[in-house]
Protein backbone atom coordinates (compact mmCIF):
# COMPACT_ATOMS: atom_id res chain seq x y z
CA MET A 1 -38.08 -72.12 -5.36
CA ILE A 2 -37.88 -75.06 -7.75
CA THR A 3 -35.36 -77.79 -7.03
CA LEU A 4 -33.34 -79.71 -9.57
CA GLU A 5 -35.34 -82.85 -8.77
CA ALA A 6 -38.23 -81.23 -10.67
CA ILE A 7 -36.19 -80.86 -13.81
CA LYS A 8 -38.40 -82.93 -16.11
CA LEU A 9 -41.00 -80.71 -17.68
CA GLY A 10 -44.43 -82.05 -18.55
CA ASP A 11 -45.50 -85.26 -20.23
CA PRO A 12 -43.60 -85.95 -23.49
CA VAL A 13 -46.53 -87.88 -25.00
CA PHE A 14 -48.98 -85.05 -24.31
CA ASN A 15 -46.45 -82.55 -25.60
CA ILE A 16 -46.11 -84.49 -28.85
CA ILE A 17 -49.91 -84.52 -29.29
CA VAL A 18 -50.18 -80.75 -28.88
CA PHE A 19 -47.14 -80.23 -31.06
CA ALA A 20 -48.70 -82.38 -33.82
CA LEU A 21 -52.01 -80.48 -33.55
CA PHE A 22 -50.22 -77.19 -34.14
CA VAL A 23 -48.40 -78.56 -37.17
CA VAL A 24 -51.51 -80.17 -38.69
CA GLY A 25 -53.66 -77.12 -37.97
CA THR A 26 -51.28 -74.59 -39.52
CA LEU A 27 -50.57 -76.83 -42.52
CA THR A 28 -54.31 -77.18 -43.09
CA VAL A 29 -54.66 -73.40 -43.12
CA VAL A 30 -51.76 -73.09 -45.57
CA ILE A 31 -53.27 -75.64 -47.95
CA LYS A 32 -56.75 -74.08 -47.75
CA VAL A 33 -55.74 -70.45 -48.37
CA THR A 34 -53.45 -71.37 -51.26
CA ALA A 35 -55.74 -73.87 -52.98
CA ASN A 36 -56.61 -71.50 -55.84
CA GLN A 37 -53.40 -69.51 -55.84
CA ALA A 38 -51.75 -68.79 -59.18
CA LYS A 39 -48.50 -70.64 -59.80
CA SER A 40 -46.58 -67.53 -60.87
CA ALA A 41 -43.34 -66.28 -59.39
CA GLY A 42 -45.10 -63.14 -58.14
CA SER A 43 -47.68 -65.12 -56.16
CA PHE A 44 -44.88 -67.22 -54.64
CA TYR A 45 -42.85 -64.14 -53.62
CA THR A 46 -45.56 -61.70 -52.45
CA GLY A 47 -48.85 -63.63 -52.26
CA GLY A 48 -50.18 -61.45 -55.06
CA ALA A 49 -49.87 -58.29 -52.90
CA SER A 50 -53.38 -59.09 -51.67
CA PHE A 51 -53.12 -58.41 -47.93
CA SER A 52 -54.49 -55.38 -46.10
CA GLY A 53 -52.34 -53.18 -43.90
CA THR A 54 -53.89 -54.65 -40.76
CA GLN A 55 -53.31 -58.21 -41.92
CA ASN A 56 -49.76 -57.40 -42.92
CA GLY A 57 -49.18 -55.66 -39.58
CA PHE A 58 -50.06 -58.88 -37.78
CA ALA A 59 -47.91 -60.85 -40.23
CA ILE A 60 -44.96 -58.49 -39.68
CA ALA A 61 -45.35 -58.94 -35.93
CA GLY A 62 -45.49 -62.69 -36.50
CA ASP A 63 -42.38 -62.52 -38.68
CA TYR A 64 -40.46 -60.22 -36.35
CA LEU A 65 -41.38 -61.78 -32.99
CA SER A 66 -39.12 -64.72 -33.53
CA ALA A 67 -37.64 -67.34 -31.25
CA ALA A 68 -35.18 -64.62 -30.25
CA SER A 69 -38.00 -62.46 -28.96
CA PHE A 70 -39.85 -65.12 -27.01
CA LEU A 71 -37.20 -67.61 -25.95
CA GLY A 72 -33.97 -65.62 -26.25
CA ILE A 73 -35.02 -62.31 -24.68
CA VAL A 74 -36.97 -63.91 -21.83
CA GLY A 75 -33.88 -66.02 -21.14
CA ALA A 76 -31.58 -63.01 -21.35
CA ILE A 77 -33.73 -61.05 -18.87
CA ALA A 78 -33.99 -64.08 -16.56
CA PHE A 79 -30.20 -64.27 -16.34
CA ASN A 80 -29.04 -60.68 -16.87
CA GLY A 81 -32.03 -58.57 -15.90
CA TYR A 82 -31.61 -54.98 -17.04
CA ASP A 83 -28.99 -55.85 -19.67
CA GLY A 84 -31.26 -58.53 -21.13
CA LEU A 85 -34.10 -56.02 -21.39
CA LEU A 86 -31.91 -53.90 -23.67
CA TYR A 87 -32.62 -56.42 -26.45
CA SER A 88 -36.35 -55.67 -26.16
CA ILE A 89 -35.77 -51.92 -26.21
CA GLY A 90 -33.40 -52.09 -29.18
CA PHE A 91 -35.65 -54.35 -31.24
CA LEU A 92 -38.65 -52.04 -30.62
CA VAL A 93 -36.89 -48.70 -31.25
CA ALA A 94 -35.58 -50.14 -34.51
CA TRP A 95 -39.10 -50.04 -35.92
CA LEU A 96 -39.12 -46.25 -35.80
CA VAL A 97 -36.19 -46.24 -38.24
CA ALA A 98 -38.05 -48.63 -40.52
CA LEU A 99 -41.30 -46.63 -40.32
CA LEU A 100 -39.83 -43.15 -40.81
CA LEU A 101 -37.13 -43.85 -43.39
CA VAL A 102 -37.73 -47.08 -45.26
CA ALA A 103 -41.24 -48.62 -45.31
CA GLU A 104 -43.16 -46.36 -47.70
CA PRO A 105 -40.32 -45.45 -50.13
CA LEU A 106 -39.33 -49.10 -50.36
CA ARG A 107 -42.87 -50.25 -51.17
CA ASN A 108 -43.21 -47.52 -53.82
CA THR A 109 -39.90 -48.24 -55.54
CA GLY A 110 -39.60 -52.02 -55.47
CA LYS A 111 -41.64 -54.99 -56.52
CA TYR A 112 -40.36 -58.29 -55.14
CA THR A 113 -37.04 -57.89 -53.32
CA MET A 114 -34.75 -55.32 -51.70
CA ALA A 115 -32.51 -55.46 -54.77
CA ASP A 116 -35.31 -53.89 -56.85
CA VAL A 117 -34.72 -50.67 -54.91
CA LEU A 118 -30.92 -50.82 -54.79
CA SER A 119 -30.65 -51.43 -58.55
CA PHE A 120 -33.43 -49.06 -59.66
CA ARG A 121 -31.07 -46.43 -61.08
CA MET A 122 -27.83 -48.46 -61.06
CA LYS A 123 -26.27 -51.07 -63.31
CA GLN A 124 -28.56 -54.01 -62.74
CA LYS A 125 -26.37 -57.10 -62.68
CA PRO A 126 -23.57 -56.17 -60.25
CA VAL A 127 -25.89 -54.46 -57.75
CA ARG A 128 -28.49 -57.23 -57.81
CA LEU A 129 -25.77 -59.83 -57.32
CA ALA A 130 -24.32 -57.94 -54.35
CA ALA A 131 -27.76 -57.44 -52.79
CA ALA A 132 -28.62 -61.12 -53.27
CA ILE A 133 -25.37 -62.26 -51.63
CA SER A 134 -26.07 -59.94 -48.69
CA THR A 135 -29.64 -61.22 -48.38
CA LEU A 136 -28.51 -64.84 -48.36
CA ALA A 137 -25.85 -64.16 -45.69
CA ILE A 138 -28.29 -62.34 -43.38
CA SER A 139 -30.99 -64.96 -43.87
CA PHE A 140 -28.52 -67.69 -42.96
CA PHE A 141 -27.54 -66.01 -39.67
CA TYR A 142 -31.18 -65.47 -38.76
CA LEU A 143 -32.02 -69.06 -39.65
CA LEU A 144 -29.24 -70.26 -37.35
CA ALA A 145 -30.95 -68.55 -34.44
CA GLN A 146 -34.37 -69.99 -35.23
CA MET A 147 -33.06 -73.53 -35.74
CA ALA A 148 -31.09 -73.33 -32.49
CA GLY A 149 -34.28 -72.28 -30.71
CA ALA A 150 -36.22 -75.11 -32.33
CA GLY A 151 -33.70 -77.70 -31.19
CA GLY A 152 -33.79 -76.57 -27.57
CA LEU A 153 -37.55 -76.09 -27.45
CA VAL A 154 -38.59 -79.41 -28.96
CA SER A 155 -35.94 -81.25 -26.94
CA LEU A 156 -37.58 -79.72 -23.87
CA LEU A 157 -41.02 -80.77 -25.14
CA LEU A 158 -39.97 -84.36 -25.70
CA GLY A 159 -37.83 -84.64 -22.58
CA ILE A 160 -34.64 -85.46 -24.47
CA SER A 161 -31.18 -84.07 -23.80
CA GLY A 162 -28.72 -86.21 -25.78
CA GLU A 163 -26.67 -84.65 -28.54
CA PHE A 164 -27.96 -86.95 -31.28
CA ALA A 165 -31.60 -86.52 -30.24
CA GLN A 166 -31.37 -82.72 -30.30
CA ASN A 167 -29.70 -82.84 -33.71
CA LEU A 168 -32.50 -85.07 -34.99
CA VAL A 169 -35.06 -82.55 -33.75
CA ILE A 170 -33.35 -79.77 -35.73
CA VAL A 171 -33.48 -81.96 -38.86
CA ILE A 172 -37.22 -82.57 -38.38
CA VAL A 173 -37.88 -78.84 -37.90
CA GLY A 174 -35.92 -78.10 -41.08
CA VAL A 175 -37.99 -80.57 -43.08
CA LEU A 176 -41.24 -79.06 -41.78
CA MET A 177 -39.98 -75.57 -42.65
CA ILE A 178 -39.31 -76.65 -46.24
CA ALA A 179 -42.78 -78.19 -46.48
CA TYR A 180 -44.51 -74.97 -45.33
CA VAL A 181 -42.71 -72.86 -47.91
CA LEU A 182 -43.08 -75.26 -50.84
CA ILE A 183 -46.79 -75.77 -50.19
CA GLY A 184 -47.84 -72.23 -49.34
CA GLY A 185 -45.36 -69.74 -50.75
CA MET A 186 -45.68 -66.20 -49.35
CA LYS A 187 -49.48 -66.35 -49.04
CA GLY A 188 -49.49 -69.46 -46.90
CA THR A 189 -46.53 -68.19 -44.89
CA THR A 190 -48.32 -64.89 -44.22
CA TRP A 191 -51.39 -66.64 -42.85
CA VAL A 192 -49.22 -68.76 -40.55
CA GLN A 193 -47.48 -65.59 -39.35
CA MET A 194 -50.82 -63.88 -38.61
CA ILE A 195 -52.12 -66.86 -36.64
CA LYS A 196 -48.86 -67.18 -34.79
CA ALA A 197 -48.80 -63.45 -33.87
CA VAL A 198 -52.26 -63.68 -32.28
CA LEU A 199 -51.39 -66.87 -30.38
CA LEU A 200 -47.98 -65.64 -29.22
CA ILE A 201 -49.10 -62.20 -28.01
CA ALA A 202 -52.19 -63.69 -26.33
CA GLY A 203 -50.15 -66.44 -24.68
CA ALA A 204 -47.47 -64.03 -23.47
CA GLY A 205 -50.18 -61.66 -22.20
CA ILE A 206 -51.87 -64.41 -20.18
CA MET A 207 -48.54 -65.48 -18.69
CA THR A 208 -47.70 -61.86 -17.83
CA VAL A 209 -50.96 -61.30 -15.93
CA TRP A 210 -50.54 -64.67 -14.19
CA VAL A 211 -46.98 -63.88 -13.06
CA LEU A 212 -47.93 -60.42 -11.79
CA ALA A 213 -50.87 -61.94 -9.90
CA GLN A 214 -48.41 -64.06 -7.90
CA PHE A 215 -46.94 -60.82 -6.54
CA GLY A 216 -50.09 -58.76 -6.06
CA PHE A 217 -49.49 -57.02 -9.40
CA ASN A 218 -46.43 -55.40 -7.83
CA LEU A 219 -43.56 -55.32 -10.33
CA ASP A 220 -41.13 -54.18 -7.63
CA ALA A 221 -41.95 -57.24 -5.52
CA LEU A 222 -41.41 -59.49 -8.54
CA MET A 223 -37.98 -58.03 -9.29
CA GLY A 224 -37.01 -58.17 -5.63
CA LYS A 225 -37.91 -61.87 -5.48
CA ALA A 226 -35.84 -62.57 -8.60
CA VAL A 227 -32.81 -60.93 -6.98
CA GLU A 228 -33.36 -62.72 -3.67
CA ILE A 229 -33.85 -66.22 -5.12
CA ASN A 230 -30.74 -66.01 -7.31
CA ASP A 231 -28.66 -63.83 -4.97
CA LYS A 232 -27.87 -61.52 -7.88
CA PRO A 233 -28.57 -57.82 -7.13
CA GLN A 234 -26.82 -56.75 -10.36
CA MET A 235 -29.93 -57.90 -12.27
CA LEU A 236 -31.52 -54.54 -11.45
CA ALA A 237 -28.73 -52.35 -12.84
CA PRO A 238 -26.80 -52.03 -16.10
CA GLY A 239 -23.43 -53.69 -16.47
CA ASP A 240 -24.15 -57.30 -15.54
CA LYS A 241 -23.50 -58.59 -19.05
CA TYR A 242 -22.23 -55.53 -20.93
CA LYS A 243 -19.43 -54.22 -18.77
CA ASP A 244 -17.60 -52.63 -21.70
CA PRO A 245 -19.39 -49.47 -22.92
CA VAL A 246 -17.89 -49.82 -26.40
CA GLY A 247 -19.27 -53.33 -26.77
CA PHE A 248 -22.65 -52.12 -25.57
CA ILE A 249 -22.70 -49.25 -28.08
CA SER A 250 -21.82 -51.72 -30.84
CA LEU A 251 -24.76 -53.95 -29.89
CA SER A 252 -27.09 -50.93 -29.72
CA ILE A 253 -26.13 -49.79 -33.23
CA ALA A 254 -26.88 -53.27 -34.59
CA LEU A 255 -30.26 -53.55 -32.87
CA VAL A 256 -31.53 -50.07 -33.72
CA LEU A 257 -30.37 -49.97 -37.34
CA GLY A 258 -30.65 -53.65 -38.24
CA THR A 259 -34.43 -53.94 -38.67
CA ALA A 260 -34.51 -51.46 -41.56
CA GLY A 261 -32.02 -53.67 -43.40
CA LEU A 262 -33.50 -57.11 -42.72
CA PRO A 263 -34.52 -58.55 -46.12
CA HIS A 264 -37.32 -60.77 -44.79
CA VAL A 265 -38.91 -57.78 -43.02
CA LEU A 266 -38.47 -55.49 -46.03
CA MET A 267 -40.04 -58.08 -48.32
CA ARG A 268 -43.24 -57.96 -46.25
CA PHE A 269 -43.92 -54.44 -47.55
CA TYR A 270 -44.48 -55.92 -51.04
CA THR A 271 -47.40 -58.07 -49.86
CA VAL A 272 -49.72 -55.02 -49.59
CA PRO A 273 -51.28 -53.27 -52.60
CA THR A 274 -50.37 -49.64 -51.78
CA ALA A 275 -47.86 -47.51 -49.87
CA LYS A 276 -50.67 -46.34 -47.59
CA GLU A 277 -51.27 -49.95 -46.55
CA ALA A 278 -47.51 -50.37 -46.03
CA ARG A 279 -47.54 -47.46 -43.56
CA LYS A 280 -50.62 -48.86 -41.87
CA SER A 281 -49.00 -52.28 -41.54
CA VAL A 282 -45.94 -50.82 -39.81
CA THR A 283 -48.14 -48.84 -37.40
CA TRP A 284 -50.01 -52.02 -36.44
CA ALA A 285 -46.74 -53.91 -36.13
CA ILE A 286 -45.25 -51.32 -33.75
CA GLY A 287 -48.28 -51.53 -31.45
CA LEU A 288 -48.29 -55.32 -31.36
CA ILE A 289 -44.53 -55.66 -31.02
CA GLY A 290 -44.38 -52.95 -28.33
CA ALA A 291 -46.99 -54.74 -26.22
CA PHE A 292 -45.13 -58.02 -26.53
CA TYR A 293 -41.79 -56.55 -25.48
CA LEU A 294 -43.42 -55.10 -22.34
CA PHE A 295 -44.52 -58.65 -21.54
CA THR A 296 -40.95 -59.97 -21.83
CA LEU A 297 -39.86 -57.80 -18.87
CA VAL A 298 -42.35 -59.55 -16.58
CA LEU A 299 -41.75 -63.00 -18.07
CA GLY A 300 -37.95 -62.76 -17.74
CA TYR A 301 -37.97 -61.66 -14.10
CA GLY A 302 -40.82 -64.10 -13.50
CA ALA A 303 -38.71 -67.02 -14.73
CA ALA A 304 -35.84 -65.93 -12.48
CA ALA A 305 -38.15 -65.58 -9.46
CA LEU A 306 -40.47 -68.57 -9.88
CA VAL A 307 -38.12 -71.11 -11.47
CA ASN A 308 -34.57 -69.77 -10.76
CA GLN A 309 -31.44 -69.59 -12.86
CA ALA A 310 -29.85 -72.83 -11.60
CA THR A 311 -32.85 -74.91 -12.69
CA ILE A 312 -33.11 -73.22 -16.07
CA SER A 313 -29.38 -73.84 -16.69
CA GLU A 314 -29.93 -77.59 -16.35
CA LEU A 315 -32.63 -77.75 -19.02
CA PRO A 316 -32.04 -78.43 -22.74
CA GLY A 317 -31.48 -75.07 -24.37
CA LYS A 318 -30.37 -73.49 -21.05
CA ALA A 319 -31.38 -69.78 -21.05
CA ASN A 320 -33.60 -70.35 -24.09
CA ALA A 321 -35.75 -72.67 -21.94
CA ALA A 322 -36.72 -69.93 -19.44
CA ALA A 323 -40.14 -69.17 -20.99
CA PRO A 324 -41.27 -72.83 -21.34
CA ALA A 325 -40.02 -73.58 -17.81
CA LEU A 326 -42.04 -70.65 -16.45
CA ALA A 327 -45.11 -71.93 -18.30
CA PHE A 328 -44.70 -75.32 -16.58
CA PHE A 329 -44.10 -74.13 -13.03
CA LEU A 330 -46.46 -71.12 -13.08
CA PRO A 331 -49.78 -73.01 -12.67
CA GLY A 332 -48.21 -75.52 -10.30
CA GLN A 333 -46.64 -78.86 -11.17
CA GLY A 334 -48.88 -81.68 -12.32
CA MET A 335 -51.54 -81.60 -15.01
CA PRO A 336 -52.12 -77.79 -15.02
CA GLY A 337 -48.43 -77.17 -15.64
CA THR A 338 -48.25 -79.97 -18.19
CA ILE A 339 -51.14 -78.53 -20.22
CA PHE A 340 -49.95 -74.92 -20.07
CA LEU A 341 -46.37 -75.89 -20.98
CA ALA A 342 -47.57 -77.87 -24.00
CA VAL A 343 -49.73 -74.98 -25.25
CA ILE A 344 -47.04 -72.31 -24.76
CA ALA A 345 -44.35 -74.52 -26.28
CA GLY A 346 -46.66 -75.24 -29.20
CA VAL A 347 -47.09 -71.50 -29.72
CA ALA A 348 -43.33 -71.03 -29.53
CA PHE A 349 -42.85 -73.76 -32.11
CA ALA A 350 -45.39 -72.09 -34.40
CA THR A 351 -43.33 -68.93 -33.88
CA ILE A 352 -40.20 -70.64 -35.13
CA LEU A 353 -41.91 -72.25 -38.11
CA ALA A 354 -43.46 -68.95 -39.21
CA VAL A 355 -40.18 -67.06 -39.02
CA VAL A 356 -38.03 -69.70 -40.72
CA ALA A 357 -40.61 -69.98 -43.48
CA GLY A 358 -40.46 -66.21 -44.04
CA LEU A 359 -36.67 -66.24 -44.05
CA THR A 360 -36.51 -69.14 -46.44
CA ILE A 361 -38.91 -67.64 -48.95
CA THR A 362 -36.98 -64.34 -48.84
CA ALA A 363 -33.68 -66.05 -49.53
CA SER A 364 -35.12 -68.19 -52.32
CA ALA A 365 -36.79 -65.15 -53.93
CA SER A 366 -33.52 -63.25 -53.80
CA PHE A 367 -31.63 -66.04 -55.52
CA ALA A 368 -34.29 -66.81 -58.14
CA HIS A 369 -35.37 -63.23 -58.92
CA ASP A 370 -32.09 -61.33 -58.48
CA ILE A 371 -29.43 -63.86 -59.45
CA TYR A 372 -31.15 -66.31 -61.80
CA ASN A 373 -33.62 -64.02 -63.54
CA SER A 374 -31.88 -60.64 -63.47
CA VAL A 375 -28.20 -61.62 -63.62
CA LEU A 376 -28.11 -64.93 -65.48
CA LYS A 377 -31.15 -64.46 -67.73
CA ASP A 378 -31.03 -60.66 -68.21
CA GLY A 379 -34.51 -60.31 -66.74
CA ASN A 380 -36.09 -62.56 -69.37
CA ALA A 381 -36.47 -65.83 -67.47
CA ASP A 382 -39.64 -67.86 -67.95
CA PRO A 383 -41.77 -67.19 -64.80
CA ALA A 384 -42.51 -70.90 -64.40
CA VAL A 385 -38.82 -71.77 -64.57
CA GLU A 386 -38.00 -68.93 -62.15
CA ARG A 387 -40.46 -70.36 -59.68
CA ARG A 388 -38.89 -73.82 -60.02
CA VAL A 389 -35.49 -72.28 -59.31
CA ALA A 390 -36.98 -70.63 -56.21
CA THR A 391 -38.39 -73.89 -54.91
CA THR A 392 -35.09 -75.70 -55.54
CA THR A 393 -33.32 -72.95 -53.61
CA VAL A 394 -35.68 -73.58 -50.69
CA LEU A 395 -34.33 -77.15 -50.46
CA VAL A 396 -30.71 -75.97 -50.47
CA ILE A 397 -31.31 -73.25 -47.88
CA GLY A 398 -33.18 -75.72 -45.68
CA ALA A 399 -30.23 -78.12 -45.73
CA LEU A 400 -27.78 -75.34 -44.83
CA ALA A 401 -30.03 -74.14 -42.01
CA ILE A 402 -30.19 -77.64 -40.55
CA PHE A 403 -26.40 -78.03 -40.71
CA GLY A 404 -25.75 -74.63 -39.13
CA GLY A 405 -28.44 -75.03 -36.48
CA ILE A 406 -26.76 -78.18 -35.19
CA PHE A 407 -23.57 -76.21 -34.46
CA ALA A 408 -25.40 -73.20 -32.96
CA LYS A 409 -27.94 -75.01 -30.77
CA SER A 410 -26.30 -74.13 -27.43
CA MET A 411 -25.99 -70.37 -28.08
CA ASN A 412 -28.43 -67.71 -26.86
CA ILE A 413 -30.89 -67.02 -29.64
CA ALA A 414 -31.23 -63.29 -28.99
CA PHE A 415 -27.46 -62.99 -29.31
CA LEU A 416 -27.40 -64.87 -32.63
CA VAL A 417 -30.14 -62.62 -34.00
CA ALA A 418 -28.14 -59.57 -32.91
CA LEU A 419 -25.35 -60.78 -35.21
CA ALA A 420 -27.83 -60.98 -38.11
CA PHE A 421 -28.93 -57.45 -37.28
CA ALA A 422 -25.30 -56.30 -37.40
CA VAL A 423 -24.82 -57.75 -40.89
CA ALA A 424 -28.12 -56.20 -42.06
CA ALA A 425 -27.26 -52.78 -40.62
CA SER A 426 -23.82 -52.92 -42.25
CA ALA A 427 -24.46 -54.48 -45.65
CA ASN A 428 -27.97 -53.25 -46.51
CA LEU A 429 -29.07 -50.12 -44.67
CA PRO A 430 -26.36 -47.69 -45.88
CA SER A 431 -26.97 -48.58 -49.52
CA ILE A 432 -30.77 -48.42 -49.07
CA LEU A 433 -30.64 -44.95 -47.51
CA TYR A 434 -28.15 -43.63 -50.06
CA SER A 435 -30.26 -45.04 -52.91
CA LEU A 436 -33.45 -43.44 -51.61
CA TYR A 437 -32.12 -40.07 -50.49
CA TRP A 438 -28.85 -39.22 -52.33
CA LYS A 439 -29.29 -38.40 -56.02
CA ARG A 440 -25.57 -38.64 -56.79
CA PHE A 441 -25.24 -42.18 -55.41
CA ASN A 442 -24.13 -44.59 -58.15
CA THR A 443 -23.26 -48.19 -58.92
CA GLN A 444 -19.72 -48.13 -57.56
CA GLY A 445 -20.90 -46.51 -54.32
CA SER A 446 -23.59 -49.15 -53.91
CA LEU A 447 -21.19 -52.02 -54.51
CA TRP A 448 -18.52 -50.60 -52.21
CA SER A 449 -21.09 -50.02 -49.47
CA ILE A 450 -22.67 -53.49 -49.66
CA TYR A 451 -19.42 -55.44 -49.89
CA ALA A 452 -17.57 -53.32 -47.31
CA GLY A 453 -20.40 -53.78 -44.83
CA LEU A 454 -20.84 -57.48 -45.57
CA ILE A 455 -17.17 -58.45 -45.59
CA SER A 456 -16.19 -56.36 -42.55
CA SER A 457 -19.12 -57.55 -40.43
CA LEU A 458 -18.65 -61.22 -41.31
CA THR A 459 -14.87 -61.02 -40.81
CA LEU A 460 -15.18 -59.36 -37.41
CA ILE A 461 -17.82 -61.88 -36.34
CA ILE A 462 -15.61 -64.82 -37.37
CA PHE A 463 -12.70 -63.43 -35.34
CA SER A 464 -14.83 -62.37 -32.37
CA PRO A 465 -15.46 -64.05 -28.99
CA ALA A 466 -18.85 -65.11 -30.39
CA VAL A 467 -17.16 -67.79 -32.48
CA SER A 468 -14.00 -68.81 -30.60
CA THR A 469 -12.03 -68.22 -27.40
CA PRO A 470 -9.97 -64.99 -27.44
CA LEU A 471 -6.30 -65.35 -28.23
CA GLY A 472 -4.21 -65.75 -25.08
CA ALA A 473 -7.19 -66.58 -22.86
CA ALA A 474 -6.40 -68.77 -19.87
CA LYS A 475 -9.40 -71.07 -20.37
CA PRO A 476 -12.00 -71.82 -23.06
CA LEU A 477 -14.87 -69.35 -23.43
CA ALA A 478 -18.00 -71.41 -22.78
CA SER A 479 -20.32 -69.01 -24.66
CA ALA A 480 -18.34 -69.25 -27.92
CA MET A 481 -19.62 -71.37 -30.82
CA PHE A 482 -16.27 -73.22 -30.86
CA PRO A 483 -14.93 -72.81 -27.29
CA ASN A 484 -11.97 -75.14 -27.80
CA ALA A 485 -10.65 -73.09 -30.74
CA SER A 486 -8.77 -69.85 -30.14
CA PHE A 487 -8.50 -67.35 -33.00
CA ALA A 488 -10.57 -64.37 -31.75
CA TRP A 489 -8.57 -61.13 -32.03
CA PHE A 490 -11.55 -58.72 -32.29
CA PRO A 491 -12.54 -57.84 -28.69
CA TYR A 492 -16.31 -57.32 -29.11
CA ASP A 493 -19.11 -59.82 -29.72
CA ASN A 494 -20.91 -57.50 -32.13
CA PRO A 495 -19.08 -55.79 -35.04
CA ALA A 496 -21.57 -52.97 -35.78
CA ILE A 497 -19.50 -50.18 -34.23
CA ILE A 498 -16.86 -50.75 -36.94
CA SER A 499 -18.78 -52.25 -39.85
CA VAL A 500 -21.73 -49.82 -40.04
CA PRO A 501 -19.68 -46.57 -40.21
CA LEU A 502 -17.28 -48.32 -42.60
CA ALA A 503 -20.15 -49.21 -44.96
CA PHE A 504 -21.50 -45.65 -44.95
CA PHE A 505 -18.00 -44.30 -45.62
CA ALA A 506 -17.35 -46.84 -48.40
CA GLY A 507 -20.63 -45.90 -50.09
CA TRP A 508 -19.69 -42.20 -50.04
CA LEU A 509 -16.09 -42.82 -51.13
CA GLY A 510 -17.04 -45.17 -53.95
CA THR A 511 -19.53 -42.63 -55.28
CA VAL A 512 -17.23 -39.60 -55.23
CA LEU A 513 -14.32 -41.56 -56.79
CA SER A 514 -16.44 -43.03 -59.57
CA LYS A 515 -16.44 -41.54 -63.06
CA GLU A 516 -19.97 -42.85 -63.63
CA VAL A 517 -22.47 -40.05 -64.27
CA SER A 518 -25.79 -40.56 -62.51
CA ASP A 519 -28.88 -40.57 -64.70
CA PRO A 520 -30.86 -37.49 -63.56
CA GLY A 521 -34.01 -38.84 -65.16
CA LYS A 522 -33.81 -42.10 -63.22
CA ALA A 523 -32.98 -40.22 -60.03
CA ALA A 524 -36.01 -37.96 -60.51
CA GLU A 525 -38.25 -40.93 -61.29
CA MET A 526 -37.08 -42.76 -58.19
CA GLU A 527 -37.64 -39.70 -56.02
CA VAL A 528 -41.19 -39.19 -57.33
CA ARG A 529 -42.06 -42.86 -56.98
CA SER A 530 -40.57 -43.24 -53.52
CA MET A 531 -42.32 -40.15 -52.16
CA THR A 532 -45.68 -40.28 -53.95
CA GLY A 533 -46.16 -43.85 -55.13
CA ALA A 534 -46.81 -42.71 -58.69
CA GLY A 535 -46.01 -45.60 -61.03
CA ALA A 536 -45.33 -47.94 -58.13
CA ASP A 537 -47.40 -50.70 -59.69
CA GLY A 538 -45.42 -50.64 -62.90
CA ALA A 539 -42.77 -53.10 -63.87
CA ILE A 540 -39.27 -52.76 -62.51
CA ALA A 541 -36.84 -51.60 -65.15
CA HIS A 542 -34.12 -54.00 -66.20
């Protein structure tokens, strides 16, 4: 058992060296692979659709296995056991929805962004604007989680715990994120995501084998030790964290349905040349992601057993520090632990940079392509100007991510990502499914679905215990973003149980009440394209 006297992890100077090597190495790759890249908007958004299904599968895994997956889920399992593992299960099962219902039709119908699909047979301007607003909101929530993880991780690396120092770290991470996107666009970002996926899965695999070896490769012995060390038998059964079944169902809906509505994941399908490669990329992604989530079970219980919850709680980032703490104490304190911690933390930092870069480029593409080009310029914007608008948007989004990450740095990352999933499942997925599979669906239905899902999910999150202390509570809720404020009247942390059905209903109601007559020709064209890929390489109609 580790004592609180051993709370300082590693050598800050050595950590900084490894950290700098990761940054320099990945930036070098970005610069090299994009040296001869065209300066068009298309190359910035999709990397010229030049990646194979296998490459894109690794990139999707790199994009999807975020700080929430490595830091947040390991921390959640270390503290809540079975209930923490539910994040892994939900995130993995969600890929089946994306594979079976969304991946291929989306690649066939769109070109750059999710809004290409939603507006294919609708009135362009209002639908693209709604889709862009939704994309920006979801990207912001997801960025909050990644920036919070970055603050805790790098603070741990550098051995700092003060408020100002952690805030400064978040600022530095934000600046690096902006640099990656501006230099490399989607092509450079994709290569960083591929490298990061290999490093992260390999690193987690090595740690998993190492932890199991400490217990004779007996998972039961590992779990038993975690319970014994922390005197917490409820770690092995459901109900430790999610005592309310309604709240648990709400979280499950968000996790399972959210992936198929995440704009930065959907945009990855446009980086491959054909629908066949899109399917292949999702198949690869499921295999890689599934393996990683099996590792998190061992790593979470391993952190609880070999480090213990009390020690982890005293570290910068609290639960989010479980994986780096395990990496330090696993080989034994001293130089072995110092080296392994620095390498694993460097991999985790590469994880954060890759994901925030993907999120940022998605949000900037949505604003530049859907709002500036399609709404403000009627689809006739100069490509060079559109790209400049996209790069300017990157700067704005980076600043907002830094500001929000400072406020969210103490919250569990997996929980923050679950909120982003709830908004995606509410605002995007209903409209995507209706657009692809319901011929009668029209503009009003799409707008009602997007805005109902977006507004209801954001409203319920704002007035939930995730943001402030519940009304009438006897004492502040420590896990809330603003624990000293009290305006939470919605009883559940996650709004999906209300907002997702509401969005589906609003999409149906808006359609049946509308006097707009659907264009049967457009509906037929979309059906043929989505199912066969015929004409998928053509221009998107405006």
